[in-house]
C-alpha cells in the first residue's frame, strides 16, 4: 500500500496518509483514459452551428428567365447554391457530438488517472484547504509553499465558495469537488492537490 505525506498550508509535513491501492495504485489503462478524454472533449462541443439551405433563404420564388432560347444555362431559382445570396449546399446543421462510455470504463479511467498522478509524484495531500475570507494571496502562497506546478487542480470534499473564489483568479489553477472530478482535468494538471477529506471520499466512491 502506497503512502503520501500530508502537508499543512505552509508545506510542512504533519502526518502520513495510506492510499488505497485499488484506487491509487493500479496499472494505468491508457486505452480507457484516452476513450474517456475523447468523450469528455466531444461532449463539450455545442454543435449549434447552422447554415441556411436553399429552402430556408427568403426570395427566389420566380424563375429568373425562361427555360430555353436565351443561350444561358437553365435556372430555376436565384436562391440556388451557385447564386450570390443563395442557400448553402451541404453546410453544417445543429447536431450532437456526444459520445457515450460505459460505467466500468469510466471508473477504470478515473482510477487509472489517479494512479498515474501518484506514480508520477504529482499528487499533493493537504490536511485541510479552507479560506477564512475571499482572498487570493493566501491561496497563492499555499500553492507555492507545497510546490504545486503551473497548472493545478485543487480538489475539495464539498463545495466551498470562499476557496473557489479565492483560487479562481490564480492563473492555471482550477477547483473541483469529488463529485465533479473528471479524467481530463486530472491528466491536464501538473499538480493534483487534494484535501485529506477529499482523498477519503474518492476512495469511498471508487474503491
Protein backbone atom coordinates (compact mmCIF):
# COMPACT_ATOMS: atom_id res chain seq x y z
CA UNK A 1 0.00 0.00 0.00
CA UNK A 2 1.49 3.34 -1.08
CA UNK A 3 1.53 6.36 1.18
CA UNK A 4 1.89 10.13 0.87
CA UNK A 5 2.95 12.83 3.28
CA UNK A 6 0.15 15.09 4.47
CA UNK A 7 1.22 18.75 4.40
CA UNK A 8 -0.12 21.86 6.06
CA UNK A 9 -0.66 25.14 4.22
CA UNK A 10 2.98 26.12 4.84
CA UNK A 11 4.27 22.97 3.18
CA UNK A 12 5.37 21.21 6.37
CA UNK A 13 4.71 17.50 6.87
CA UNK A 14 2.15 16.92 9.61
CA UNK A 15 1.26 13.23 9.12
CA UNK A 16 1.25 10.31 6.70
CA UNK A 17 -1.65 9.01 4.63
CA UNK A 18 -2.00 5.42 3.44
CA UNK A 19 -3.61 5.26 -0.01
CA UNK A 20 -5.94 2.53 -1.19
CA UNK A 21 -4.12 0.64 -3.95
CA UNK A 22 -7.44 -0.29 -5.56
CA UNK A 23 -7.86 3.41 -6.42
CA UNK A 24 -4.39 4.97 -6.36
CA UNK A 25 -2.15 2.00 -7.13
CA UNK A 26 -3.44 0.24 -10.23
CA UNK A 27 -1.66 -0.13 -13.57
CA UNK A 28 -2.97 2.82 -15.64
CA UNK A 29 -5.10 1.74 -18.59
CA UNK A 30 -4.14 4.13 -21.40
CA UNK A 31 -6.92 2.96 -23.71
CA UNK A 32 -9.65 3.66 -21.14
CA UNK A 33 -8.24 7.10 -20.31
CA UNK A 34 -8.00 8.01 -23.99
CA UNK A 35 -11.57 6.94 -24.64
CA UNK A 36 -12.94 8.93 -21.69
CA UNK A 37 -10.93 12.06 -22.57
CA UNK A 38 -12.11 11.95 -26.21
CA UNK A 39 -15.68 11.51 -24.96
CA UNK A 40 -15.32 14.41 -22.50
CA UNK A 41 -13.97 16.79 -25.15
CA UNK A 42 -16.62 15.72 -27.67
CA UNK A 43 -19.37 16.37 -25.12
CA UNK A 44 -18.07 19.92 -24.62
CA UNK A 45 -18.93 20.79 -28.22
CA UNK A 46 -22.20 22.67 -28.51
CA UNK A 47 -22.99 21.64 -32.07
CA UNK A 48 -25.17 24.71 -32.61
CA UNK A 49 -23.61 25.89 -35.90
CA UNK A 50 -26.16 26.19 -38.67
CA UNK A 51 -26.43 27.39 -42.26
CA UNK A 52 -29.49 28.07 -44.42
CA UNK A 53 -30.29 25.77 -47.27
CA UNK A 54 -31.95 26.99 -50.48
CA UNK A 55 -35.35 26.21 -48.98
CA UNK A 56 -34.68 28.46 -45.96
CA UNK A 57 -33.34 31.55 -47.76
CA UNK A 58 -36.00 34.16 -48.44
CA UNK A 59 -36.83 35.08 -52.03
CA UNK A 60 -36.12 33.22 -55.22
CA UNK A 61 -39.68 32.19 -55.92
CA UNK A 62 -39.70 33.34 -59.53
CA UNK A 63 -37.76 31.57 -62.27
CA UNK A 64 -35.05 34.09 -63.37
CA UNK A 65 -35.57 33.53 -67.09
CA UNK A 66 -37.37 31.15 -69.39
CA UNK A 67 -36.10 27.60 -69.71
CA UNK A 68 -34.99 27.66 -73.34
CA UNK A 69 -33.90 30.09 -76.02
CA UNK A 70 -31.78 32.57 -74.06
CA UNK A 71 -28.42 30.88 -74.59
CA UNK A 72 -27.81 30.83 -70.87
CA UNK A 73 -27.81 27.87 -68.53
CA UNK A 74 -31.23 26.88 -67.23
CA UNK A 75 -32.01 28.26 -63.77
CA UNK A 76 -34.99 27.58 -61.54
CA UNK A 77 -34.27 29.95 -58.63
CA UNK A 78 -31.92 32.76 -57.65
CA UNK A 79 -31.53 31.12 -54.25
CA UNK A 80 -29.74 28.02 -55.56
CA UNK A 81 -26.25 27.49 -54.03
CA UNK A 82 -24.35 28.81 -57.04
CA UNK A 83 -26.07 32.21 -56.82
CA UNK A 84 -24.97 35.16 -54.74
CA UNK A 85 -27.36 35.31 -51.74
CA UNK A 86 -28.26 31.70 -52.47
CA UNK A 87 -28.53 28.93 -49.91
CA UNK A 88 -25.59 26.86 -48.70
CA UNK A 89 -25.11 23.37 -50.10
CA UNK A 90 -24.14 20.67 -47.60
CA UNK A 91 -23.49 23.20 -44.82
CA UNK A 92 -23.47 22.36 -41.10
CA UNK A 93 -26.70 21.89 -39.19
CA UNK A 94 -27.27 21.58 -35.42
CA UNK A 95 -26.13 18.17 -34.20
CA UNK A 96 -24.78 16.44 -31.12
CA UNK A 97 -21.16 15.32 -30.98
CA UNK A 98 -21.62 13.40 -27.72
CA UNK A 99 -20.02 10.01 -27.21
CA UNK A 100 -21.19 7.61 -24.52
CA UNK A 101 -18.80 5.49 -22.45
CA UNK A 102 -20.00 2.70 -20.21
CA UNK A 103 -19.69 2.98 -16.43
CA UNK A 104 -16.99 0.32 -15.99
CA UNK A 105 -14.68 2.06 -18.46
CA UNK A 106 -15.31 5.46 -16.82
CA UNK A 107 -14.43 4.06 -13.39
CA UNK A 108 -11.32 2.33 -14.75
CA UNK A 109 -10.21 5.56 -16.46
CA UNK A 110 -10.70 7.56 -13.26
CA UNK A 111 -8.66 5.11 -11.17
CA UNK A 112 -6.01 4.98 -13.90
CA UNK A 113 -5.72 8.79 -13.94
CA UNK A 114 -5.45 8.96 -10.14
CA UNK A 115 -2.86 6.17 -10.07
CA UNK A 116 -0.80 7.85 -12.78
CA UNK A 117 -0.63 11.05 -10.72
CA UNK A 118 0.60 9.14 -7.66
CA UNK A 119 3.14 7.20 -9.74
CA UNK A 120 4.45 10.42 -11.28
CA UNK A 121 4.76 12.12 -7.88
CA UNK A 122 2.29 14.81 -8.92
CA UNK A 123 -0.25 14.27 -6.12
CA UNK A 124 -0.10 16.52 -3.06
CA UNK A 125 -2.28 15.95 0.01
CA UNK A 126 -3.09 18.78 2.43
CA UNK A 127 -4.54 18.35 5.91
CA UNK A 128 -7.22 20.91 5.01
CA UNK A 129 -7.99 23.50 2.37
CA UNK A 130 -10.07 26.36 3.67
CA UNK A 131 -10.33 30.14 3.43
CA UNK A 132 -11.45 32.41 6.25
CA UNK A 133 -12.19 35.12 3.70
CA UNK A 134 -12.30 35.51 -0.06
CA UNK A 135 -8.71 36.46 -0.75
CA UNK A 136 -6.39 35.21 -3.48
CA UNK A 137 -2.99 35.90 -1.85
CA UNK A 138 -3.20 33.26 0.95
CA UNK A 139 -4.22 30.59 -1.57
CA UNK A 140 -1.39 31.54 -3.94
CA UNK A 141 1.07 31.38 -1.02
CA UNK A 142 -0.28 27.97 -0.02
CA UNK A 143 0.17 26.55 -3.53
CA UNK A 144 3.69 27.99 -3.69
CA UNK A 145 4.55 26.52 -0.26
CA UNK A 146 3.55 22.99 -1.30
CA UNK A 147 5.49 23.40 -4.58
CA UNK A 148 2.47 22.98 -6.84
CA UNK A 149 3.10 23.16 -10.59
CA UNK A 150 1.97 25.80 -13.06
CA UNK A 151 -1.32 24.02 -13.77
CA UNK A 152 -3.01 22.98 -10.53
CA UNK A 153 -6.20 21.07 -9.82
CA UNK A 154 -7.40 21.68 -6.26
CA UNK A 155 -9.87 19.04 -5.07
CA UNK A 156 -12.25 19.68 -2.17
CA UNK A 157 -14.54 17.19 -0.41
CA UNK A 158 -17.52 19.51 -0.97
CA UNK A 159 -18.30 22.93 -2.39
CA UNK A 160 -16.57 25.80 -0.60
CA UNK A 161 -17.46 29.15 -2.13
CA UNK A 162 -14.71 31.06 -0.30
CA UNK A 163 -11.97 28.70 -1.52
CA UNK A 164 -13.38 28.64 -5.05
CA UNK A 165 -13.50 32.43 -5.34
CA UNK A 166 -10.04 32.78 -3.79
CA UNK A 167 -8.40 30.36 -6.22
CA UNK A 168 -10.24 31.12 -9.47
CA UNK A 169 -8.16 34.26 -10.05
CA UNK A 170 -4.86 32.32 -9.95
CA UNK A 171 -3.61 31.59 -13.46
CA UNK A 172 -3.57 27.87 -14.23
CA UNK A 173 -5.45 26.88 -11.07
CA UNK A 174 -8.81 25.12 -11.08
CA UNK A 175 -11.07 23.96 -8.24
CA UNK A 176 -13.16 20.79 -8.30
CA UNK A 177 -15.11 18.77 -5.78
CA UNK A 178 -15.08 14.97 -5.57
CA UNK A 179 -18.44 14.72 -7.36
CA UNK A 180 -17.31 16.99 -10.25
CA UNK A 181 -13.91 15.36 -10.75
CA UNK A 182 -13.16 14.19 -14.28
CA UNK A 183 -10.33 12.34 -16.01
CA UNK A 184 -9.47 15.19 -18.39
CA UNK A 185 -8.84 17.71 -15.59
CA UNK A 186 -6.73 15.20 -13.65
CA UNK A 187 -4.50 14.41 -16.63
CA UNK A 188 -4.34 18.03 -17.74
CA UNK A 189 -2.83 19.36 -14.50
CA UNK A 190 0.80 19.42 -13.37
CA UNK A 191 -0.16 19.04 -9.70
CA UNK A 192 -3.16 17.25 -8.19
CA UNK A 193 -3.69 19.00 -4.83
CA UNK A 194 -6.33 17.31 -2.68
CA UNK A 195 -7.61 17.84 0.83
CA UNK A 196 -7.24 14.82 3.12
CA UNK A 197 -11.03 14.54 3.44
CA UNK A 198 -11.37 14.63 -0.37
CA UNK A 199 -8.97 11.66 -0.71
CA UNK A 200 -11.11 9.70 1.76
CA UNK A 201 -14.24 10.49 -0.29
CA UNK A 202 -12.55 9.48 -3.55
CA UNK A 203 -11.60 6.14 -2.02
CA UNK A 204 -15.14 5.70 -0.71
CA UNK A 205 -16.60 6.26 -4.18
CA UNK A 206 -14.11 4.33 -6.34
CA UNK A 207 -12.71 1.58 -4.07
